[in-house]
Each structure stands twice: as C-alpha cells, then as structure tokens.
Amino acid sequence: MAKKNSLNLLYLIGMAAVVIGCFLPVIRISFGPFGKIDFTIVKAFQNLGSLDSWLALLMFLTAAAGIVLSLVNVSNGTTLKTVCLLASIVLGLVFFARGNFFKEWFNITGFGFYVILAGWVVALIGNFVKK
C-alpha cells in the first residue's frame, strides 16, 4: 500500500501567497501630478529601527517558516504550522493597524494587501481541513 502524502497543498499555497504579497505593492499613496509611491513590506526591512519594520519582517519570516514546515517532516509539524499562520496574521494585523491603514484602506490598498489577505484565508482553510 502506498504511503499517504502529508503535504497540505492549500496551506502551502496560502503561505506562499503571503510571502509573495510582501513583495507586491501593499499601500499606494498618490501625490497627484507627482506620481505614486508603492510601499511593499520588503521595503520596510531597510529601516529596522522602527517597530513597523520589525512587525513586517516577523510577518514575512513566520509565513516563510510555515512554508518550510510544510515541506519538511518534523514532529508537531501541524502545531508549528498553526503557530506560524496565527503569528503571521496577528503580526500583519498589528502592522496594518499601527499605520492607520484601516481608516482609509479603500483608497490606499495595493494588490499586495489583497494577495496577503487571500493567502491568510486559504492557509486557514488548508490548515483546518482534514487530510
């Protein structure tokens, strides 16, 4: 009898979407004739002197750790993947809440924010679906 594959594809796709979303424009600020500034979470890594930069970095790293944990076989892997997912969500929500992002999010959200949000939802569904 063949061994059952324990790879949870939905979780992996969701966490990969979170990591990819960090490289896409999350916030778009328009300055009229001066153009737009696209803020990606990866740009926050350049200045690690602020709390926002650390929140963004830890959100990215926990999502990346979730990907690694889904590819390797470790004891308590399901628990560790759940912790990585929940930590990524909490850190991301705190990151977005600190910048008053939720007040004007319809006007300033970029494509990366929606990719991160969809990644969290897909990973949550994949994490709690029985294999």
C-alpha atoms as a PDB file:
ATOM      1  CA  MET A   1       0.000   0.000   0.000  1.00  0.00           C
ATOM      2  CA  ALA A   2       1.330   3.446  -0.899  1.00  0.00           C
ATOM      3  CA  LYS A   3       2.292   5.889   1.805  1.00  0.00           C
ATOM      4  CA  LYS A   4      -0.132   8.791   2.191  1.00  0.00           C
ATOM      5  CA  ASN A   5       1.335  12.179   1.248  1.00  0.00           C
ATOM      6  CA  SER A   6       1.117  14.549   4.223  1.00  0.00           C
ATOM      7  CA  LEU A   7       1.717  17.716   2.182  1.00  0.00           C
ATOM      8  CA  ASN A   8      -1.129  20.147   2.747  1.00  0.00           C
ATOM      9  CA  LEU A   9      -1.292  21.957  -0.575  1.00  0.00           C
ATOM     10  CA  LEU A  10      -3.858  24.600   0.432  1.00  0.00           C
ATOM     11  CA  TYR A  11      -1.766  25.664   3.419  1.00  0.00           C
ATOM     12  CA  LEU A  12       1.361  25.796   1.274  1.00  0.00           C
ATOM     13  CA  ILE A  13      -0.344  27.895  -1.434  1.00  0.00           C
ATOM     14  CA  GLY A  14      -1.769  30.275   1.167  1.00  0.00           C
ATOM     15  CA  MET A  15       1.511  30.864   2.940  1.00  0.00           C
ATOM     16  CA  ALA A  16       3.301  31.256  -0.394  1.00  0.00           C
ATOM     17  CA  ALA A  17       0.740  33.930  -1.304  1.00  0.00           C
ATOM     18  CA  VAL A  18       1.547  35.783   1.922  1.00  0.00           C
ATOM     19  CA  VAL A  19       5.269  35.719   1.114  1.00  0.00           C
ATOM     20  CA  ILE A  20       4.661  36.825  -2.489  1.00  0.00           C
ATOM     21  CA  GLY A  21       2.295  39.567  -1.303  1.00  0.00           C
ATOM     22  CA  CYS A  22       5.127  41.053   0.751  1.00  0.00           C
ATOM     23  CA  PHE A  23       6.979  41.782  -2.492  1.00  0.00           C
ATOM     24  CA  LEU A  24       3.961  43.418  -4.163  1.00  0.00           C
ATOM     25  CA  PRO A  25       2.720  46.979  -3.528  1.00  0.00           C
ATOM     26  CA  VAL A  26       0.680  46.891  -0.330  1.00  0.00           C
ATOM     27  CA  ILE A  27      -0.004  50.613   0.011  1.00  0.00           C
ATOM     28  CA  ARG A  28      -0.322  53.065  -2.877  1.00  0.00           C
ATOM     29  CA  ILE A  29      -0.084  56.713  -1.976  1.00  0.00           C
ATOM     30  CA  SER A  30      -0.870  59.155  -4.775  1.00  0.00           C
ATOM     31  CA  PHE A  31       0.676  62.598  -4.874  1.00  0.00           C
ATOM     32  CA  GLY A  32      -1.343  63.978  -7.776  1.00  0.00           C
ATOM     33  CA  PRO A  33       0.954  65.052 -10.610  1.00  0.00           C
ATOM     34  CA  PHE A  34       3.989  63.774  -8.716  1.00  0.00           C
ATOM     35  CA  GLY A  35       3.006  60.143  -9.216  1.00  0.00           C
ATOM     36  CA  LYS A  36       2.546  57.270  -6.821  1.00  0.00           C
ATOM     37  CA  ILE A  37       4.618  55.727  -4.111  1.00  0.00           C
ATOM     38  CA  ASP A  38       4.215  51.966  -3.854  1.00  0.00           C
ATOM     39  CA  PHE A  39       5.103  50.631  -0.422  1.00  0.00           C
ATOM     40  CA  THR A  40       5.993  46.978  -0.246  1.00  0.00           C
ATOM     41  CA  ILE A  41       6.581  45.180   3.013  1.00  0.00           C
ATOM     42  CA  VAL A  42      10.049  44.234   1.842  1.00  0.00           C
ATOM     43  CA  LYS A  43      10.949  47.948   1.705  1.00  0.00           C
ATOM     44  CA  ALA A  44      10.255  48.103   5.445  1.00  0.00           C
ATOM     45  CA  PHE A  45      13.268  45.847   6.003  1.00  0.00           C
ATOM     46  CA  GLN A  46      15.619  48.693   5.001  1.00  0.00           C
ATOM     47  CA  ASN A  47      14.962  50.565   8.248  1.00  0.00           C
ATOM     48  CA  LEU A  48      14.950  48.090  11.112  1.00  0.00           C
ATOM     49  CA  GLY A  49      14.965  50.887  13.675  1.00  0.00           C
ATOM     50  CA  SER A  50      11.172  51.106  13.861  1.00  0.00           C
ATOM     51  CA  LEU A  51       8.578  48.771  15.304  1.00  0.00           C
ATOM     52  CA  ASP A  52       6.698  48.705  11.997  1.00  0.00           C
ATOM     53  CA  SER A  53       9.743  47.312  10.235  1.00  0.00           C
ATOM     54  CA  TRP A  54      10.109  44.561  12.812  1.00  0.00           C
ATOM     55  CA  LEU A  55       6.411  43.680  12.585  1.00  0.00           C
ATOM     56  CA  ALA A  56       6.648  43.451   8.799  1.00  0.00           C
ATOM     57  CA  LEU A  57       9.836  41.385   8.953  1.00  0.00           C
ATOM     58  CA  LEU A  58       8.397  38.963  11.500  1.00  0.00           C
ATOM     59  CA  MET A  59       5.184  38.596   9.488  1.00  0.00           C
ATOM     60  CA  PHE A  60       7.262  37.707   6.430  1.00  0.00           C
ATOM     61  CA  LEU A  61       9.530  35.322   8.360  1.00  0.00           C
ATOM     62  CA  THR A  62       6.673  33.458  10.050  1.00  0.00           C
ATOM     63  CA  ALA A  63       4.999  32.932   6.669  1.00  0.00           C
ATOM     64  CA  ALA A  64       8.295  31.683   5.228  1.00  0.00           C
ATOM     65  CA  ALA A  65       8.756  29.386   8.233  1.00  0.00           C
ATOM     66  CA  GLY A  66       5.265  27.984   7.608  1.00  0.00           C
ATOM     67  CA  ILE A  67       6.295  27.131   4.048  1.00  0.00           C
ATOM     68  CA  VAL A  68       9.428  25.371   5.255  1.00  0.00           C
ATOM     69  CA  LEU A  69       7.484  23.441   7.893  1.00  0.00           C
ATOM     70  CA  SER A  70       5.008  22.228   5.304  1.00  0.00           C
ATOM     71  CA  LEU A  71       7.826  20.898   3.119  1.00  0.00           C
ATOM     72  CA  VAL A  72       9.783  19.059   5.812  1.00  0.00           C
ATOM     73  CA  ASN A  73       8.631  16.321   8.144  1.00  0.00           C
ATOM     74  CA  VAL A  74       9.004  17.334  11.786  1.00  0.00           C
ATOM     75  CA  SER A  75       7.314  16.181  14.950  1.00  0.00           C
ATOM     76  CA  ASN A  76       4.488  18.518  15.987  1.00  0.00           C
ATOM     77  CA  GLY A  77       4.540  19.931  12.461  1.00  0.00           C
ATOM     78  CA  THR A  78       0.815  20.656  12.435  1.00  0.00           C
ATOM     79  CA  THR A  79       1.041  22.629  15.661  1.00  0.00           C
ATOM     80  CA  LEU A  80       4.079  24.566  14.465  1.00  0.00           C
ATOM     81  CA  LYS A  81       2.391  25.387  11.161  1.00  0.00           C
ATOM     82  CA  THR A  82      -0.678  26.648  13.019  1.00  0.00           C
ATOM     83  CA  VAL A  83       1.510  28.825  15.247  1.00  0.00           C
ATOM     84  CA  CYS A  84       3.295  30.254  12.194  1.00  0.00           C
ATOM     85  CA  LEU A  85      -0.003  31.035  10.482  1.00  0.00           C
ATOM     86  CA  LEU A  86      -1.578  32.682  13.518  1.00  0.00           C
ATOM     87  CA  ALA A  87       1.602  34.650  14.264  1.00  0.00           C
ATOM     88  CA  SER A  88       1.704  35.894  10.677  1.00  0.00           C
ATOM     89  CA  ILE A  89      -1.932  37.008  10.864  1.00  0.00           C
ATOM     90  CA  VAL A  90      -1.560  38.747  14.233  1.00  0.00           C
ATOM     91  CA  LEU A  91       1.691  40.479  13.255  1.00  0.00           C
ATOM     92  CA  GLY A  92       0.196  41.575   9.949  1.00  0.00           C
ATOM     93  CA  LEU A  93      -2.952  42.965  11.543  1.00  0.00           C
ATOM     94  CA  VAL A  94      -0.919  44.862  14.142  1.00  0.00           C
ATOM     95  CA  PHE A  95       1.338  46.176  11.354  1.00  0.00           C
ATOM     96  CA  PHE A  96      -1.610  47.428   9.324  1.00  0.00           C
ATOM     97  CA  ALA A  97      -3.441  48.823  12.387  1.00  0.00           C
ATOM     98  CA  ARG A  98      -0.423  50.835  13.566  1.00  0.00           C
ATOM     99  CA  GLY A  99      -0.263  52.868  10.386  1.00  0.00           C
ATOM    100  CA  ASN A 100      -3.953  53.863  10.497  1.00  0.00           C
ATOM    101  CA  PHE A 101      -4.269  51.645   7.460  1.00  0.00           C
ATOM    102  CA  PHE A 102      -7.829  50.569   8.209  1.00  0.00           C
ATOM    103  CA  LYS A 103      -9.214  54.124   8.213  1.00  0.00           C
ATOM    104  CA  GLU A 104      -8.599  54.747   4.506  1.00  0.00           C
ATOM    105  CA  TRP A 105      -7.857  51.283   3.217  1.00  0.00           C
ATOM    106  CA  PHE A 106     -10.203  51.536   0.225  1.00  0.00           C
ATOM    107  CA  ASN A 107      -8.205  54.474  -1.100  1.00  0.00           C
ATOM    108  CA  ILE A 108      -4.682  53.271  -0.465  1.00  0.00           C
ATOM    109  CA  THR A 109      -4.608  49.486  -0.708  1.00  0.00           C
ATOM    110  CA  GLY A 110      -2.471  47.902  -3.341  1.00  0.00           C
ATOM    111  CA  PHE A 111      -2.591  44.480  -4.923  1.00  0.00           C
ATOM    112  CA  GLY A 112      -0.168  43.006  -2.372  1.00  0.00           C
ATOM    113  CA  PHE A 113      -2.571  43.599   0.511  1.00  0.00           C
ATOM    114  CA  TYR A 114      -5.254  41.541  -1.202  1.00  0.00           C
ATOM    115  CA  VAL A 115      -2.776  38.766  -2.014  1.00  0.00           C
ATOM    116  CA  ILE A 116      -1.706  38.633   1.646  1.00  0.00           C
ATOM    117  CA  LEU A 117      -5.323  38.627   2.822  1.00  0.00           C
ATOM    118  CA  ALA A 118      -6.288  35.868   0.375  1.00  0.00           C
ATOM    119  CA  GLY A 119      -3.193  33.899   1.420  1.00  0.00           C
ATOM    120  CA  TRP A 120      -4.217  34.040   5.062  1.00  0.00           C
ATOM    121  CA  VAL A 121      -7.737  32.839   4.235  1.00  0.00           C
ATOM    122  CA  VAL A 122      -6.514  29.973   2.009  1.00  0.00           C
ATOM    123  CA  ALA A 123      -3.918  28.930   4.593  1.00  0.00           C
ATOM    124  CA  LEU A 124      -6.545  28.970   7.361  1.00  0.00           C
ATOM    125  CA  ILE A 125      -8.839  26.789   5.282  1.00  0.00           C
ATOM    126  CA  GLY A 126      -5.964  24.476   4.386  1.00  0.00           C
ATOM    127  CA  ASN A 127      -4.790  24.274   7.984  1.00  0.00           C
ATOM    128  CA  PHE A 128      -8.130  23.155   9.357  1.00  0.00           C
ATOM    129  CA  VAL A 129      -9.237  20.840   6.536  1.00  0.00           C
ATOM    130  CA  LYS A 130      -8.622  17.212   7.412  1.00  0.00           C
ATOM    131  CA  LYS A 131      -6.242  15.411   5.107  1.00  0.00           C
END
